[in-house]
Protein backbone atom coordinates (compact mmCIF):
# COMPACT_ATOMS: atom_id res chain seq x y z
CA MET A 1 -17.01 3.35 -34.58
CA ASP A 2 -20.71 3.22 -35.42
CA ASN A 3 -22.11 3.71 -38.93
CA ASN A 4 -24.45 6.32 -37.46
CA ASN A 5 -21.38 8.55 -37.11
CA TYR A 6 -21.27 8.79 -40.89
CA LYS A 7 -24.24 11.02 -41.70
CA ASN A 8 -23.44 11.71 -45.34
CA LYS A 9 -21.83 8.64 -46.83
CA ASN A 10 -21.79 10.34 -50.25
CA GLU A 11 -19.19 12.82 -49.00
CA ILE A 12 -16.75 10.22 -47.61
CA PHE A 13 -14.41 8.27 -49.87
CA ALA A 14 -14.30 4.51 -49.40
CA SER A 15 -10.51 4.60 -49.73
CA ASP A 16 -10.30 6.70 -46.55
CA LEU A 17 -12.01 3.97 -44.50
CA ILE A 18 -10.76 0.72 -46.01
CA ASP A 19 -7.80 0.13 -43.69
CA PHE A 20 -9.65 0.56 -40.40
CA LYS A 21 -8.13 -1.44 -37.51
CA ALA A 22 -9.55 -1.73 -34.00
CA ASN A 23 -8.16 -2.99 -30.74
CA ILE A 24 -10.43 -5.92 -30.04
CA ALA A 25 -10.65 -7.10 -26.47
CA GLU A 26 -9.77 -10.72 -25.77
CA GLY A 27 -12.91 -12.82 -25.88
CA GLN A 28 -14.87 -10.13 -27.78
CA LYS A 29 -17.63 -11.75 -29.83
CA LEU A 30 -18.84 -10.76 -33.26
CA GLU A 31 -22.40 -9.53 -32.75
CA HIS A 32 -24.58 -6.80 -34.27
CA ASN A 33 -23.46 -4.26 -31.70
CA THR A 34 -19.74 -5.18 -31.99
CA ILE A 35 -19.31 -5.58 -35.76
CA ALA A 36 -17.85 -2.07 -35.98
CA LEU A 37 -14.96 -3.23 -33.78
CA PHE A 38 -14.06 -6.00 -36.20
CA CYS A 39 -14.24 -4.22 -39.53
CA SER A 40 -14.26 -0.93 -41.35
CA PRO A 41 -17.56 0.98 -41.38
CA LEU A 42 -17.68 0.12 -45.08
CA PHE A 43 -18.61 -3.47 -44.25
CA VAL A 44 -20.84 -3.10 -41.17
CA GLU A 45 -24.27 -3.11 -42.82
CA ALA A 46 -23.43 -5.97 -45.20
CA MET A 47 -21.95 -7.98 -42.34
CA LYS A 48 -25.18 -7.51 -40.35
CA VAL A 49 -27.24 -8.84 -43.26
CA LEU A 50 -24.97 -11.87 -43.61
CA MET A 51 -25.11 -12.49 -39.87
CA ASP A 52 -28.92 -12.32 -39.96
CA LYS A 53 -28.92 -14.85 -42.81
CA ASN A 54 -26.60 -17.16 -40.84
CA ILE A 55 -23.85 -16.91 -43.45
CA PHE A 56 -20.43 -17.53 -41.94
CA THR A 57 -17.82 -14.90 -42.76
CA LEU A 58 -14.08 -15.34 -42.43
CA SER A 59 -12.80 -11.80 -42.87
CA CYS A 60 -13.38 -8.41 -44.39
CA GLY A 61 -11.03 -5.72 -45.56
CA SER A 62 -9.06 -4.23 -48.40
CA GLY A 63 -7.93 -7.58 -49.79
CA LYS A 64 -4.69 -6.00 -51.01
CA GLU A 65 -2.51 -8.52 -49.17
CA ARG A 66 -4.12 -11.28 -51.25
CA GLY A 67 -4.66 -9.34 -54.46
CA ILE A 68 -8.46 -9.56 -54.22
CA LEU A 69 -11.24 -6.99 -54.25
CA PRO A 70 -12.06 -5.05 -51.10
CA GLY A 71 -14.95 -6.84 -49.47
CA ILE A 72 -16.09 -9.72 -47.29
CA THR A 73 -14.76 -13.29 -47.48
CA GLY A 74 -17.16 -16.10 -46.64
CA ASP A 75 -16.84 -19.82 -46.01
CA PHE A 76 -18.21 -21.56 -49.11
CA SER A 77 -18.40 -24.95 -47.40
CA LYS A 78 -20.91 -23.67 -44.85
CA LEU A 79 -23.39 -22.33 -47.41
CA SER A 80 -26.71 -23.93 -48.24
CA TYR A 81 -27.12 -25.40 -51.72
CA GLU A 82 -29.11 -22.29 -52.81
CA ASN A 83 -26.45 -19.93 -51.52
CA LYS A 84 -23.61 -21.94 -53.07
CA ALA A 85 -25.26 -21.36 -56.44
CA ILE A 86 -25.15 -17.60 -55.77
CA ALA A 87 -21.58 -17.58 -54.44
CA ASN A 88 -20.19 -19.85 -57.16
CA SER A 89 -19.18 -16.90 -59.36
CA MET A 90 -17.43 -15.20 -56.40
CA MET A 91 -14.93 -17.96 -55.59
CA ILE A 92 -11.41 -16.85 -54.63
CA SER A 93 -10.16 -20.25 -53.48
CA GLU A 94 -11.51 -23.77 -53.22
CA PHE A 95 -13.27 -22.93 -49.94
CA GLU A 96 -13.80 -19.16 -49.97
CA PHE A 97 -15.98 -16.69 -51.80
CA ARG A 98 -15.60 -12.91 -51.86
CA ILE A 99 -18.34 -10.30 -51.91
CA GLY A 100 -16.34 -7.37 -53.17
CA TYR A 101 -16.29 -4.21 -55.16
CA ARG A 102 -13.46 -2.17 -56.65
CA ILE A 103 -12.53 1.05 -54.86
CA ILE A 104 -11.15 3.86 -56.99
CA ASP A 105 -9.13 6.18 -54.75
CA LYS A 106 -10.87 9.53 -54.11
CA ILE A 107 -13.75 8.59 -56.45
CA THR A 108 -15.67 5.64 -54.94
CA THR A 109 -17.79 6.91 -52.06
CA PHE A 110 -18.68 5.10 -48.86
CA ALA A 111 -22.33 5.08 -50.02
CA GLU A 112 -21.50 3.58 -53.43
CA PHE A 113 -19.32 0.85 -51.94
CA GLU A 114 -21.83 -0.03 -49.22
CA ASP A 115 -24.71 -0.09 -51.73
CA LYS A 116 -22.81 -2.47 -54.03
CA LEU A 117 -22.08 -4.89 -51.16
CA LEU A 118 -25.68 -4.73 -49.93
CA GLU A 119 -26.94 -5.40 -53.45
CA VAL A 120 -25.00 -8.68 -53.45
CA VAL A 121 -25.63 -9.82 -49.87
CA ASN A 122 -29.35 -9.27 -50.29
CA LYS A 123 -29.35 -11.94 -53.03
CA PHE A 124 -28.42 -14.61 -50.50
CA PHE A 125 -31.07 -16.65 -48.69
CA GLU A 126 -31.37 -17.17 -44.96
CA GLN A 127 -30.01 -20.57 -44.00
């Protein structure tokens, strides 16, 4: 499932894509060309930016099982001092931060959600 398959992200609701699940092959590695196997298309571009900045992510998804915003969870302990200062307001536990955004069913578009995540991940520094 490649983000290029979604030509008009303004016409797709984020709520329709949030619960994406893939069958990941044993030993499959998280890389630019495989990110779409590991997470919903909503998170692919933001995950690529974080990967390029060497920011370690733990998970991404709806967050509903934990009562947190849909988004990407990162490992706070592996952030540089500069990036910890950015992530400090996004803490969801002692060791995790969440880059998230609220999805309103049948209102929040794919484009809006993706733009909000990218706005945040672009604040982080390469480490």
